[in-house]
C-alpha cells in the first residue's frame, strides 16, 4: 500500500500537467476565533511540494502503525509527537506558498489543540479528527454557500492512501482512538477546523493532497 502511494505521485503530476491551473483551497473555521479562507492558483512545482510533504507524513504514519513499532499497531505518545511535527512541516510548506498573510502560528496552535484532545481523551460529542492523505474531497451543497450547507457543514473524503484518526461515539470504547490507514473514506458533519484540498466545487477535480483537522459530529471511516 505504501508503494502504491509513492507510485501515485507521478500519476498525480501527469494529471496535473494537463490542467493549467491548480486551485489550492485552505479553510479554517473553529469556535476559538480562528476564521480564514485562502484560494490560490498554484504552480505544478508548488503542488508537488505539498504532495511531497504529505507523502512524508504518509510514510511516517505507515511506520507508527506497523506491528514492529514500539507501540505495535497503536500510536504511542512519542509517535503522536512525530505526527504533529510532520503536520507542522506541511503547514510551513503551505505558508511558503500563501505568503506572510497565512497565520502560521495560529494554525499550528489549532493543530496542537486537536492532537492534544486525541491524546488526553478530552471530548464529548464533538469528535476530534485528523485526516491526511492523497485523494479527493467532496463538500456537498456548493461549499457551504446554501443554508443547508452552512447548517450541517458536511465533508466527505476518499483517500486513495492516507491516515485518519478519531474517536467512535461508543461509551464502551472511550479512550481508544479509531485509526484507519491506506484506502478509506472519511465522513463528518457540523465540521469546524482546518480543511486543505486541491479540488474545485462540482465535478472538476484532481487527485491530490487532502487535509482535514478539527472537530465534527457523526464522524466515521469506511
N, C-alpha and C. Protein backbone atom coordinates (compact mmCIF):
# COMPACT_ATOMS: atom_id res chain seq x y z
N UNK A 1 0.83 -1.21 0.00
CA UNK A 1 0.00 0.00 0.00
C UNK A 1 0.86 1.25 0.00
N UNK A 2 1.98 1.20 0.75
CA UNK A 2 2.88 2.35 0.78
C UNK A 2 3.50 2.58 -0.59
N UNK A 3 3.89 1.48 -1.26
CA UNK A 3 4.44 1.61 -2.61
C UNK A 3 3.42 2.20 -3.56
N UNK A 4 2.13 1.87 -3.35
CA UNK A 4 1.07 2.45 -4.16
C UNK A 4 1.05 3.95 -4.00
N UNK A 5 1.18 4.42 -2.75
CA UNK A 5 1.16 5.86 -2.51
C UNK A 5 2.30 6.57 -3.19
N UNK A 6 3.50 5.98 -3.11
CA UNK A 6 4.64 6.60 -3.76
C UNK A 6 4.50 6.58 -5.27
N UNK A 7 3.89 5.52 -5.77
CA UNK A 7 3.68 5.42 -7.21
C UNK A 7 2.65 6.40 -7.71
N UNK A 8 1.77 6.84 -6.82
CA UNK A 8 0.73 7.79 -7.22
C UNK A 8 1.29 9.16 -7.58
N UNK A 9 2.43 9.52 -7.00
CA UNK A 9 2.97 10.86 -7.21
C UNK A 9 3.19 11.19 -8.67
N UNK A 10 3.85 10.33 -9.47
CA UNK A 10 3.98 10.65 -10.90
C UNK A 10 2.64 10.73 -11.59
N UNK A 11 1.69 9.87 -11.18
CA UNK A 11 0.37 9.89 -11.79
C UNK A 11 -0.36 11.19 -11.52
N UNK A 12 -0.22 11.70 -10.28
CA UNK A 12 -0.82 12.97 -9.93
C UNK A 12 -0.21 14.08 -10.75
N UNK A 13 1.12 14.02 -10.92
CA UNK A 13 1.80 15.05 -11.69
C UNK A 13 1.35 15.02 -13.14
N UNK A 14 1.22 13.81 -13.69
CA UNK A 14 0.81 13.69 -15.09
C UNK A 14 -0.58 14.26 -15.29
N UNK A 15 -1.47 13.98 -14.32
CA UNK A 15 -2.82 14.54 -14.41
C UNK A 15 -2.79 16.05 -14.28
N UNK A 16 -1.98 16.53 -13.33
CA UNK A 16 -1.92 17.96 -13.09
C UNK A 16 -1.34 18.72 -14.27
N UNK A 17 -0.40 18.09 -15.00
CA UNK A 17 0.22 18.76 -16.14
C UNK A 17 -0.80 19.10 -17.21
N UNK A 18 -1.88 18.33 -17.28
CA UNK A 18 -2.91 18.58 -18.26
C UNK A 18 -3.83 19.72 -17.84
N UNK A 19 -3.72 20.11 -16.57
CA UNK A 19 -4.56 21.18 -16.03
C UNK A 19 -3.66 22.39 -15.80
N UNK A 20 -3.94 23.48 -16.48
CA UNK A 20 -3.06 24.64 -16.42
C UNK A 20 -3.09 25.34 -15.06
N UNK A 21 -4.23 25.29 -14.39
CA UNK A 21 -4.36 25.98 -13.12
C UNK A 21 -4.73 25.00 -12.02
N UNK A 22 -4.00 25.06 -10.92
CA UNK A 22 -4.22 24.17 -9.79
C UNK A 22 -4.73 25.02 -8.64
N UNK A 23 -5.92 24.75 -8.20
CA UNK A 23 -6.57 25.59 -7.20
C UNK A 23 -6.33 25.04 -5.80
N UNK A 24 -5.56 25.76 -5.00
CA UNK A 24 -5.35 25.40 -3.61
C UNK A 24 -6.37 26.13 -2.75
N UNK A 25 -7.12 25.38 -1.96
CA UNK A 25 -8.12 25.97 -1.08
C UNK A 25 -7.79 25.61 0.37
N UNK A 26 -7.72 26.64 1.21
CA UNK A 26 -7.47 26.45 2.64
C UNK A 26 -8.57 27.15 3.41
N UNK A 27 -9.26 26.41 4.27
CA UNK A 27 -10.33 26.99 5.09
C UNK A 27 -10.06 26.68 6.56
N UNK A 28 -10.25 27.66 7.39
CA UNK A 28 -10.18 27.44 8.83
C UNK A 28 -11.37 28.13 9.48
N UNK A 29 -12.13 27.36 10.21
CA UNK A 29 -13.23 27.93 10.98
C UNK A 29 -13.41 27.09 12.23
N UNK A 30 -13.25 27.71 13.39
CA UNK A 30 -13.45 26.94 14.60
C UNK A 30 -14.00 27.86 15.69
N UNK A 31 -14.36 27.28 16.80
CA UNK A 31 -15.05 28.03 17.86
C UNK A 31 -14.12 28.88 18.71
N UNK A 32 -12.81 28.81 18.45
CA UNK A 32 -11.87 29.59 19.24
C UNK A 32 -11.50 30.92 18.58
N UNK A 33 -12.18 31.23 17.49
CA UNK A 33 -11.93 32.53 16.86
C UNK A 33 -11.08 32.48 15.61
N UNK A 34 -10.53 31.31 15.27
CA UNK A 34 -9.76 31.20 14.04
C UNK A 34 -10.74 31.10 12.88
N UNK A 35 -10.63 32.01 11.94
CA UNK A 35 -11.56 32.01 10.82
C UNK A 35 -10.90 32.69 9.63
N UNK A 36 -10.49 31.88 8.65
CA UNK A 36 -9.90 32.46 7.45
C UNK A 36 -10.11 31.52 6.27
N UNK A 37 -9.92 32.06 5.08
CA UNK A 37 -10.06 31.27 3.86
C UNK A 37 -9.11 31.82 2.82
N UNK A 38 -8.35 30.92 2.20
CA UNK A 38 -7.45 31.29 1.12
C UNK A 38 -7.77 30.42 -0.09
N UNK A 39 -7.81 31.03 -1.24
CA UNK A 39 -7.90 30.30 -2.50
C UNK A 39 -6.82 30.87 -3.42
N UNK A 40 -5.98 30.00 -3.93
CA UNK A 40 -4.86 30.49 -4.73
C UNK A 40 -4.54 29.50 -5.83
N UNK A 41 -4.27 30.03 -7.02
CA UNK A 41 -3.80 29.20 -8.11
C UNK A 41 -2.32 28.95 -7.90
N UNK A 42 -1.92 27.68 -7.89
CA UNK A 42 -0.53 27.33 -7.62
C UNK A 42 0.08 26.65 -8.83
N UNK A 43 1.40 26.69 -8.88
CA UNK A 43 2.13 26.06 -9.97
C UNK A 43 2.24 24.56 -9.73
N UNK A 44 2.65 23.85 -10.77
CA UNK A 44 2.87 22.42 -10.64
C UNK A 44 3.95 22.14 -9.61
N UNK A 45 4.99 22.99 -9.59
CA UNK A 45 6.08 22.80 -8.63
C UNK A 45 5.57 22.97 -7.20
N UNK A 46 4.71 23.94 -6.97
CA UNK A 46 4.15 24.15 -5.63
C UNK A 46 3.25 22.99 -5.23
N UNK A 47 2.47 22.49 -6.19
CA UNK A 47 1.63 21.33 -5.92
C UNK A 47 2.47 20.13 -5.54
N UNK A 48 3.59 19.94 -6.24
CA UNK A 48 4.49 18.82 -5.94
C UNK A 48 5.11 18.99 -4.55
N UNK A 49 5.40 20.22 -4.17
CA UNK A 49 5.98 20.47 -2.86
C UNK A 49 5.03 20.04 -1.75
N UNK A 50 3.75 20.40 -1.89
CA UNK A 50 2.77 19.98 -0.90
C UNK A 50 2.59 18.46 -0.95
N UNK A 51 2.53 17.93 -2.16
CA UNK A 51 2.36 16.50 -2.33
C UNK A 51 3.50 15.72 -1.66
N UNK A 52 4.72 16.21 -1.80
CA UNK A 52 5.86 15.54 -1.19
C UNK A 52 5.78 15.58 0.33
N UNK A 53 5.35 16.72 0.89
CA UNK A 53 5.24 16.82 2.35
C UNK A 53 4.15 15.89 2.87
N UNK A 54 3.07 15.73 2.12
CA UNK A 54 2.01 14.80 2.53
C UNK A 54 2.50 13.37 2.41
N UNK A 55 3.27 13.07 1.37
CA UNK A 55 3.84 11.72 1.22
C UNK A 55 4.76 11.38 2.39
N UNK A 56 5.54 12.38 2.85
CA UNK A 56 6.40 12.14 4.01
C UNK A 56 5.56 11.81 5.25
N UNK A 57 4.43 12.50 5.39
CA UNK A 57 3.53 12.21 6.51
C UNK A 57 2.99 10.78 6.40
N UNK A 58 2.60 10.37 5.19
CA UNK A 58 2.04 9.04 4.98
C UNK A 58 3.08 7.97 5.32
N UNK A 59 4.33 8.21 4.93
CA UNK A 59 5.40 7.25 5.25
C UNK A 59 5.57 7.13 6.76
N UNK A 60 5.55 8.27 7.46
CA UNK A 60 5.65 8.24 8.92
C UNK A 60 4.47 7.49 9.52
N UNK A 61 3.26 7.77 9.03
CA UNK A 61 2.06 7.09 9.55
C UNK A 61 2.18 5.59 9.37
N UNK A 62 2.71 5.17 8.24
CA UNK A 62 2.90 3.73 8.00
C UNK A 62 3.85 3.13 9.02
N UNK A 63 4.89 3.89 9.37
CA UNK A 63 5.87 3.39 10.34
C UNK A 63 5.27 3.27 11.75
N UNK A 64 4.45 4.27 12.14
CA UNK A 64 3.97 4.28 13.53
C UNK A 64 2.89 3.23 13.77
N UNK A 65 2.17 2.80 12.72
CA UNK A 65 1.15 1.77 12.95
C UNK A 65 1.65 0.38 12.57
N UNK A 66 2.91 0.28 12.20
CA UNK A 66 3.49 -1.02 11.90
C UNK A 66 3.55 -1.87 13.16
N UNK A 67 3.32 -3.15 13.01
CA UNK A 67 3.33 -4.05 14.17
C UNK A 67 4.68 -4.08 14.86
N UNK A 68 5.74 -3.74 14.12
CA UNK A 68 7.08 -3.77 14.70
C UNK A 68 7.45 -2.45 15.40
N UNK A 69 6.56 -1.46 15.35
CA UNK A 69 6.85 -0.19 16.01
C UNK A 69 6.74 -0.35 17.52
N UNK A 70 7.27 0.60 18.31
CA UNK A 70 7.29 0.44 19.78
C UNK A 70 5.93 0.14 20.40
N UNK A 71 4.86 0.72 19.88
CA UNK A 71 3.53 0.50 20.45
C UNK A 71 2.69 -0.43 19.59
N UNK A 72 3.36 -1.20 18.74
CA UNK A 72 2.62 -2.08 17.83
C UNK A 72 1.80 -1.28 16.84
N UNK A 73 0.60 -1.76 16.55
CA UNK A 73 -0.28 -1.07 15.60
C UNK A 73 -0.92 0.17 16.21
N UNK A 74 -0.78 0.34 17.53
CA UNK A 74 -1.26 1.56 18.18
C UNK A 74 -0.30 2.71 17.96
N UNK A 75 -0.66 3.87 18.49
CA UNK A 75 0.17 5.06 18.34
C UNK A 75 0.55 5.55 19.73
N UNK A 76 1.84 5.54 20.03
CA UNK A 76 2.32 5.98 21.34
C UNK A 76 2.35 7.51 21.41
N UNK A 77 2.56 8.05 22.61
CA UNK A 77 2.66 9.50 22.78
C UNK A 77 3.82 10.07 21.97
N UNK A 78 4.93 9.36 21.96
CA UNK A 78 6.10 9.81 21.19
C UNK A 78 5.79 9.83 19.69
N UNK A 79 5.05 8.83 19.24
CA UNK A 79 4.70 8.78 17.82
C UNK A 79 3.69 9.86 17.46
N UNK A 80 2.77 10.19 18.39
CA UNK A 80 1.86 11.31 18.15
C UNK A 80 2.64 12.60 18.00
N UNK A 81 3.69 12.75 18.80
CA UNK A 81 4.51 13.96 18.69
C UNK A 81 5.19 14.04 17.33
N UNK A 82 5.65 12.90 16.82
CA UNK A 82 6.25 12.87 15.48
C UNK A 82 5.22 13.22 14.41
N UNK A 83 4.00 12.72 14.59
CA UNK A 83 2.92 13.04 13.66
C UNK A 83 2.65 14.54 13.66
N UNK A 84 2.60 15.13 14.87
CA UNK A 84 2.35 16.56 14.97
C UNK A 84 3.44 17.36 14.27
N UNK A 85 4.69 16.97 14.43
CA UNK A 85 5.80 17.68 13.79
C UNK A 85 5.72 17.58 12.27
N UNK A 86 5.27 16.44 11.77
CA UNK A 86 5.12 16.29 10.32
C UNK A 86 3.99 17.19 9.81
N UNK A 87 2.92 17.30 10.58
CA UNK A 87 1.83 18.21 10.19
C UNK A 87 2.35 19.64 10.17
N UNK A 88 3.17 20.00 11.14
CA UNK A 88 3.76 21.34 11.17
C UNK A 88 4.56 21.61 9.89
N UNK A 89 5.27 20.60 9.41
CA UNK A 89 6.06 20.78 8.18
C UNK A 89 5.14 21.05 6.99
N UNK A 90 4.00 20.38 6.95
CA UNK A 90 3.03 20.63 5.88
C UNK A 90 2.52 22.07 5.98
N UNK A 91 2.23 22.52 7.19
CA UNK A 91 1.77 23.90 7.40
C UNK A 91 2.82 24.90 6.94
N UNK A 92 4.09 24.61 7.22
CA UNK A 92 5.17 25.50 6.79
C UNK A 92 5.24 25.59 5.27
N UNK A 93 5.05 24.46 4.60
CA UNK A 93 5.05 24.46 3.13
C UNK A 93 3.91 25.32 2.60
N UNK A 94 2.73 25.17 3.19
CA UNK A 94 1.58 25.96 2.77
C UNK A 94 1.83 27.45 3.01
N UNK A 95 2.46 27.78 4.13
CA UNK A 95 2.76 29.18 4.44
C UNK A 95 3.71 29.77 3.42
N UNK A 96 4.68 28.97 2.96
CA UNK A 96 5.62 29.47 1.97
C UNK A 96 4.94 29.74 0.63
N UNK A 97 3.84 29.03 0.36
CA UNK A 97 3.09 29.22 -0.88
C UNK A 97 2.16 30.43 -0.77
N UNK A 98 1.43 30.51 0.34
CA UNK A 98 0.45 31.58 0.50
C UNK A 98 1.12 32.93 0.75
N UNK A 99 2.15 32.94 1.60
CA UNK A 99 2.83 34.19 1.91
C UNK A 99 2.62 34.62 3.34
N UNK A 100 3.01 35.85 3.64
CA UNK A 100 3.01 36.35 5.01
C UNK A 100 1.62 36.43 5.62
N UNK A 101 0.58 36.54 4.78
CA UNK A 101 -0.77 36.67 5.34
C UNK A 101 -1.30 35.37 5.94
N UNK A 102 -0.62 34.25 5.67
CA UNK A 102 -1.07 32.98 6.22
C UNK A 102 -0.70 32.90 7.71
N UNK A 103 -1.68 32.67 8.60
CA UNK A 103 -1.41 32.65 10.06
C UNK A 103 -0.78 31.34 10.51
N UNK A 104 0.53 31.26 10.36
CA UNK A 104 1.24 30.01 10.62
C UNK A 104 1.09 29.56 12.07
N UNK A 105 1.42 30.45 13.00
CA UNK A 105 1.43 30.05 14.41
C UNK A 105 0.04 29.71 14.92
N UNK A 106 -0.97 30.49 14.49
CA UNK A 106 -2.34 30.20 14.91
C UNK A 106 -2.79 28.83 14.39
N UNK A 107 -2.40 28.51 13.15
CA UNK A 107 -2.76 27.22 12.57
C UNK A 107 -2.09 26.08 13.32
N UNK A 108 -0.81 26.27 13.66
CA UNK A 108 -0.10 25.23 14.41
C UNK A 108 -0.69 25.06 15.81
N UNK A 109 -1.10 26.16 16.42
CA UNK A 109 -1.73 26.07 17.75
C UNK A 109 -3.02 25.26 17.67
N UNK A 110 -3.77 25.47 16.60
CA UNK A 110 -5.02 24.72 16.45
C UNK A 110 -4.73 23.23 16.25
N UNK A 111 -3.75 22.92 15.39
CA UNK A 111 -3.37 21.52 15.16
C UNK A 111 -2.97 20.88 16.48
N UNK A 112 -2.18 21.60 17.28
CA UNK A 112 -1.75 21.08 18.58
C UNK A 112 -2.93 20.82 19.51
N UNK A 113 -3.93 21.71 19.48
CA UNK A 113 -5.09 21.53 20.36
C UNK A 113 -5.90 20.30 19.97
N UNK A 114 -6.03 20.05 18.66
CA UNK A 114 -6.78 18.86 18.21
C UNK A 114 -6.04 17.59 18.60
N UNK A 115 -4.74 17.55 18.34
CA UNK A 115 -3.96 16.37 18.71
C UNK A 115 -3.91 16.19 20.22
N UNK A 116 -3.89 17.30 20.95
CA UNK A 116 -3.93 17.21 22.40
C UNK A 116 -5.22 16.59 22.90
N UNK A 117 -6.32 16.90 22.22
CA UNK A 117 -7.61 16.30 22.58
C UNK A 117 -7.58 14.80 22.33
N UNK A 118 -6.95 14.39 21.22
CA UNK A 118 -6.83 12.96 20.94
C UNK A 118 -5.99 12.25 22.01
N UNK A 119 -4.94 12.91 22.45
CA UNK A 119 -4.04 12.29 23.43
C UNK A 119 -4.65 12.24 24.83
N UNK A 120 -5.38 13.30 25.19
CA UNK A 120 -5.90 13.38 26.56
C UNK A 120 -7.33 12.87 26.69
N UNK A 121 -7.91 12.48 25.54
CA UNK A 121 -9.27 11.92 25.53
C UNK A 121 -10.30 12.87 26.13
N UNK A 122 -10.07 14.20 25.94
CA UNK A 122 -11.00 15.20 26.48
C UNK A 122 -11.96 15.65 25.39
N UNK A 123 -13.06 14.96 25.27
CA UNK A 123 -14.04 15.32 24.26
C UNK A 123 -15.41 14.84 24.72
N UNK A 124 -16.43 15.44 24.13
CA UNK A 124 -17.80 15.00 24.42
C UNK A 124 -18.40 14.50 23.11
N UNK A 125 -19.37 15.24 22.58
CA UNK A 125 -19.95 14.82 21.31
C UNK A 125 -19.11 15.28 20.12
N UNK A 126 -18.34 16.35 20.30
CA UNK A 126 -17.50 16.84 19.21
C UNK A 126 -16.27 15.96 19.12
N UNK A 127 -16.20 15.16 18.07
CA UNK A 127 -15.10 14.22 17.93
C UNK A 127 -13.89 14.90 17.28
N UNK A 128 -12.71 14.82 17.92
CA UNK A 128 -11.50 15.32 17.27
C UNK A 128 -11.18 14.45 16.06
N UNK A 129 -10.66 15.05 15.01
CA UNK A 129 -10.38 14.32 13.77
C UNK A 129 -9.11 14.85 13.13
N UNK A 130 -8.23 13.93 12.74
CA UNK A 130 -7.10 14.27 11.88
C UNK A 130 -7.13 13.29 10.72
N UNK A 131 -7.08 13.84 9.51
CA UNK A 131 -7.14 13.01 8.31
C UNK A 131 -6.27 13.65 7.24
N UNK A 132 -5.22 12.95 6.85
CA UNK A 132 -4.28 13.46 5.86
C UNK A 132 -3.95 12.36 4.86
N UNK A 133 -3.98 12.70 3.58
CA UNK A 133 -3.64 11.70 2.58
C UNK A 133 -3.75 12.24 1.17
N UNK A 134 -3.72 11.31 0.23
CA UNK A 134 -3.88 11.62 -1.19
C UNK A 134 -5.25 11.12 -1.62
N UNK A 135 -6.08 12.00 -2.15
CA UNK A 135 -7.42 11.58 -2.54
C UNK A 135 -8.25 12.72 -3.08
N UNK A 136 -9.53 12.66 -2.80
CA UNK A 136 -10.49 13.66 -3.30
C UNK A 136 -11.42 14.04 -2.16
N UNK A 137 -11.67 15.34 -2.01
CA UNK A 137 -12.61 15.85 -1.01
C UNK A 137 -13.88 16.33 -1.71
N UNK A 138 -15.02 16.00 -1.12
CA UNK A 138 -16.30 16.46 -1.66
C UNK A 138 -17.05 17.18 -0.54
N UNK A 139 -17.41 18.43 -0.79
CA UNK A 139 -18.23 19.20 0.14
C UNK A 139 -19.56 19.47 -0.54
N UNK A 140 -20.62 18.79 -0.13
CA UNK A 140 -21.93 18.99 -0.78
C UNK A 140 -22.48 20.40 -0.53
N UNK A 141 -23.55 20.69 -1.21
CA UNK A 141 -24.27 21.95 -1.04
C UNK A 141 -23.41 23.15 -1.40
N UNK A 142 -22.55 22.95 -2.41
CA UNK A 142 -21.82 24.05 -3.01
C UNK A 142 -21.00 24.85 -2.00
N UNK A 143 -20.12 24.13 -1.33
CA UNK A 143 -19.13 24.80 -0.50
C UNK A 143 -19.75 25.64 0.61
N UNK A 144 -20.80 25.12 1.24
CA UNK A 144 -21.46 25.79 2.36
C UNK A 144 -22.15 27.09 1.94
N UNK A 145 -22.37 27.29 0.65
CA UNK A 145 -22.99 28.54 0.23
C UNK A 145 -24.51 28.51 0.42
N UNK A 146 -25.10 27.35 0.60
CA UNK A 146 -26.53 27.28 0.84
C UNK A 146 -26.80 27.22 2.34
N UNK A 147 -28.03 27.45 2.73
CA UNK A 147 -28.38 27.42 4.15
C UNK A 147 -28.13 26.03 4.73
N UNK A 148 -28.49 24.97 3.97
CA UNK A 148 -28.28 23.61 4.46
C UNK A 148 -26.79 23.35 4.64
N UNK A 149 -25.99 23.80 3.67
CA UNK A 149 -24.55 23.60 3.76
C UNK A 149 -23.95 24.29 4.97
N UNK A 150 -24.37 25.52 5.22
CA UNK A 150 -23.83 26.26 6.37
C UNK A 150 -24.30 25.63 7.68
N UNK A 151 -25.47 25.00 7.65
CA UNK A 151 -26.03 24.43 8.87
C UNK A 151 -25.33 23.13 9.26
N UNK A 152 -25.22 22.19 8.34
CA UNK A 152 -24.71 20.86 8.71
C UNK A 152 -23.23 20.66 8.35
N UNK A 153 -22.66 21.53 7.53
CA UNK A 153 -21.23 21.50 7.21
C UNK A 153 -20.70 20.08 6.98
N UNK A 154 -21.18 19.41 5.97
CA UNK A 154 -20.69 18.05 5.71
C UNK A 154 -19.38 18.06 4.92
N UNK A 155 -18.53 17.08 5.19
CA UNK A 155 -17.29 16.88 4.43
C UNK A 155 -17.13 15.38 4.20
N UNK A 156 -16.83 15.01 2.96
CA UNK A 156 -16.56 13.61 2.61
C UNK A 156 -15.21 13.55 1.91
N UNK A 157 -14.37 12.62 2.34
CA UNK A 157 -13.05 12.44 1.74
C UNK A 157 -12.89 10.98 1.32
N UNK A 158 -12.34 10.79 0.15
CA UNK A 158 -11.97 9.45 -0.31
C UNK A 158 -10.46 9.44 -0.45
N UNK A 159 -9.78 8.83 0.52
CA UNK A 159 -8.32 8.71 0.47
C UNK A 159 -7.93 7.48 -0.35
N UNK A 160 -7.15 7.70 -1.39
CA UNK A 160 -6.52 6.56 -2.07
C UNK A 160 -5.45 5.97 -1.16
N UNK A 161 -4.73 6.84 -0.48
CA UNK A 161 -3.77 6.42 0.53
C UNK A 161 -3.68 7.52 1.57
N UNK A 162 -4.01 7.21 2.82
CA UNK A 162 -3.98 8.24 3.84
C UNK A 162 -4.05 7.67 5.25
N UNK A 163 -4.02 8.58 6.22
CA UNK A 163 -4.08 8.22 7.63
C UNK A 163 -5.15 9.08 8.29
N UNK A 164 -6.03 8.46 9.07
CA UNK A 164 -7.09 9.18 9.76
C UNK A 164 -7.24 8.63 11.17
N UNK A 165 -7.55 9.53 12.10
CA UNK A 165 -7.77 9.12 13.49
C UNK A 165 -8.88 9.95 14.10
N UNK A 166 -9.76 9.29 14.86
CA UNK A 166 -10.83 9.97 15.58
C UNK A 166 -11.27 9.06 16.72
N UNK A 167 -12.36 9.44 17.40
CA UNK A 167 -12.95 8.59 18.43
C UNK A 167 -14.34 8.17 17.98
N UNK A 168 -14.66 6.92 18.17
CA UNK A 168 -16.02 6.46 17.91
C UNK A 168 -16.93 6.90 19.04
N UNK A 169 -18.16 7.22 18.70
CA UNK A 169 -19.14 7.58 19.73
C UNK A 169 -19.67 6.30 20.38
N UNK A 170 -18.80 5.68 21.16
CA UNK A 170 -19.11 4.41 21.80
C UNK A 170 -18.71 4.51 23.26
N UNK A 171 -19.65 4.54 24.20
CA UNK A 171 -19.30 4.72 25.62
C UNK A 171 -18.43 3.60 26.16
N UNK A 172 -18.38 2.45 25.45
CA UNK A 172 -17.56 1.33 25.93
C UNK A 172 -16.15 1.38 25.36
N UNK A 173 -15.88 2.36 24.47
CA UNK A 173 -14.55 2.45 23.86
C UNK A 173 -13.94 3.84 24.05
N UNK A 174 -14.39 4.57 25.06
CA UNK A 174 -13.81 5.87 25.32
C UNK A 174 -12.33 5.72 25.66
N UNK A 175 -11.50 6.56 25.07
CA UNK A 175 -10.08 6.49 25.33
C UNK A 175 -9.32 5.65 24.34
N UNK A 176 -10.01 5.06 23.36
CA UNK A 176 -9.34 4.25 22.36
C UNK A 176 -9.61 4.83 20.97
N UNK A 177 -8.66 5.59 20.42
CA UNK A 177 -8.88 6.21 19.11
C UNK A 177 -9.09 5.16 18.02
N UNK A 178 -9.93 5.50 17.08
CA UNK A 178 -10.14 4.67 15.90
C UNK A 178 -9.22 5.19 14.80
N UNK A 179 -8.36 4.32 14.28
CA UNK A 179 -7.36 4.72 13.29
C UNK A 179 -7.57 3.94 12.00
N UNK A 180 -7.50 4.65 10.85
CA UNK A 180 -7.55 4.00 9.55
C UNK A 180 -6.34 4.41 8.73
N UNK A 181 -5.83 3.47 7.96
CA UNK A 181 -4.67 3.75 7.11
C UNK A 181 -4.87 3.07 5.76
N UNK A 182 -4.38 3.72 4.72
CA UNK A 182 -4.48 3.15 3.39
C UNK A 182 -5.69 3.70 2.65
N UNK A 183 -6.36 2.83 1.90
CA UNK A 183 -7.55 3.20 1.14
C UNK A 183 -8.74 3.25 2.08
N UNK A 184 -9.34 4.41 2.27
CA UNK A 184 -10.52 4.51 3.13
C UNK A 184 -11.26 5.81 2.86
N UNK A 185 -12.48 5.87 3.36
CA UNK A 185 -13.32 7.06 3.22
C UNK A 185 -13.57 7.67 4.60
N UNK A 186 -13.71 8.99 4.62
CA UNK A 186 -13.96 9.73 5.86
C UNK A 186 -15.21 10.57 5.67
N UNK A 187 -16.07 10.59 6.69
CA UNK A 187 -17.24 11.47 6.65
C UNK A 187 -17.33 12.19 7.98
N UNK A 188 -17.79 13.42 7.93
CA UNK A 188 -18.04 14.16 9.16
C UNK A 188 -19.06 15.25 8.87
N UNK A 189 -19.80 15.64 9.89
CA UNK A 189 -20.83 16.66 9.77
C UNK A 189 -20.61 17.71 10.86
N UNK A 190 -21.16 18.91 10.64
CA UNK A 190 -21.01 20.02 11.58
C UNK A 190 -19.52 20.26 11.87
N UNK A 191 -18.72 20.21 10.81
CA UNK A 191 -17.27 20.27 10.97
C UNK A 191 -16.79 21.69 11.24
N UNK A 192 -15.90 21.81 12.21
CA UNK A 192 -15.17 23.05 12.47
C UNK A 192 -13.69 22.73 12.50
N UNK A 193 -12.90 23.49 11.76
CA UNK A 193 -11.48 23.23 11.78
C UNK A 193 -10.80 23.60 10.49
N UNK A 194 -9.70 22.92 10.22
CA UNK A 194 -8.83 23.20 9.08
C UNK A 194 -9.09 22.22 7.95
N UNK A 195 -9.36 22.76 6.77
CA UNK A 195 -9.59 21.95 5.58
C UNK A 195 -8.69 22.45 4.47
N UNK A 196 -7.90 21.56 3.89
CA UNK A 196 -6.99 21.92 2.80
C UNK A 196 -7.19 20.91 1.68
N UNK A 197 -7.48 21.41 0.48
CA UNK A 197 -7.60 20.49 -0.65
C UNK A 197 -7.29 21.23 -1.95
N UNK A 198 -7.15 20.46 -3.01
CA UNK A 198 -6.81 21.00 -4.32
C UNK A 198 -7.93 20.74 -5.32
N UNK A 199 -9.16 20.71 -4.83
CA UNK A 199 -10.28 20.42 -5.71
C UNK A 199 -11.17 21.63 -5.87
N UNK A 200 -11.92 21.67 -6.94
CA UNK A 200 -12.88 22.72 -7.20
C UNK A 200 -14.28 22.21 -6.89
N UNK A 201 -15.21 23.12 -6.66
CA UNK A 201 -16.60 22.74 -6.41
C UNK A 201 -17.16 22.05 -7.65
N UNK A 202 -17.93 21.02 -7.44
CA UNK A 202 -18.54 20.32 -8.57
C UNK A 202 -17.76 19.07 -8.91
N UNK A 203 -17.65 18.77 -10.20
CA UNK A 203 -17.06 17.51 -10.62
C UNK A 203 -15.67 17.67 -11.23
N UNK A 204 -15.20 18.92 -11.38
CA UNK A 204 -13.89 19.16 -11.95
C UNK A 204 -12.85 19.03 -10.84
N UNK A 205 -12.34 17.81 -10.64
CA UNK A 205 -11.47 17.55 -9.51
C UNK A 205 -10.20 16.85 -9.97
N UNK A 206 -9.13 17.02 -9.20
CA UNK A 206 -7.91 16.28 -9.43
C UNK A 206 -7.56 15.52 -8.16
N UNK A 207 -6.93 14.39 -8.35
CA UNK A 207 -6.46 13.60 -7.22
C UNK A 207 -5.25 14.31 -6.62
N UNK A 208 -5.29 14.60 -5.32
CA UNK A 208 -4.18 15.33 -4.73
C UNK A 208 -4.21 15.31 -3.22
N UNK A 209 -3.34 16.10 -2.59
CA UNK A 209 -3.26 16.14 -1.13
C UNK A 209 -4.56 16.64 -0.52
N UNK A 210 -5.02 15.96 0.54
CA UNK A 210 -6.23 16.33 1.25
C UNK A 210 -5.93 16.32 2.75
N UNK A 211 -6.30 17.40 3.44
CA UNK A 211 -6.02 17.51 4.87
C UNK A 211 -7.27 18.00 5.59
N UNK A 212 -7.65 17.31 6.63
CA UNK A 212 -8.81 17.68 7.43
C UNK A 212 -8.44 17.51 8.90
N UNK A 213 -8.39 18.61 9.65
CA UNK A 213 -8.03 18.56 11.06
C UNK A 213 -8.99 19.44 11.84
N UNK A 214 -9.72 18.87 12.79
CA UNK A 214 -10.66 19.67 13.54
C UNK A 214 -11.61 18.81 14.35
N UNK A 215 -12.87 19.25 14.44
CA UNK A 215 -13.87 18.57 15.26
C UNK A 215 -15.16 18.45 14.44
N UNK A 216 -15.82 17.31 14.56
CA UNK A 216 -17.08 17.11 13.87
C UNK A 216 -18.01 16.21 14.66
N UNK A 217 -19.20 16.01 14.13
CA UNK A 217 -20.18 15.10 14.70
C UNK A 217 -20.45 13.97 13.72
N UNK A 218 -20.80 12.81 14.26
CA UNK A 218 -21.12 11.65 13.43
C UNK A 218 -19.96 11.33 12.48
N UNK A 219 -18.75 11.51 12.99
CA UNK A 219 -17.55 11.24 12.21
C UNK A 219 -17.30 9.74 12.14
N UNK A 220 -16.91 9.28 10.95
CA UNK A 220 -16.64 7.85 10.81
C UNK A 220 -15.80 7.55 9.59
N UNK A 221 -15.26 6.31 9.56
CA UNK A 221 -14.43 5.83 8.46
C UNK A 221 -15.09 4.61 7.82
N UNK A 222 -14.77 4.39 6.58
CA UNK A 222 -15.26 3.19 5.90
C UNK A 222 -14.22 2.67 4.94
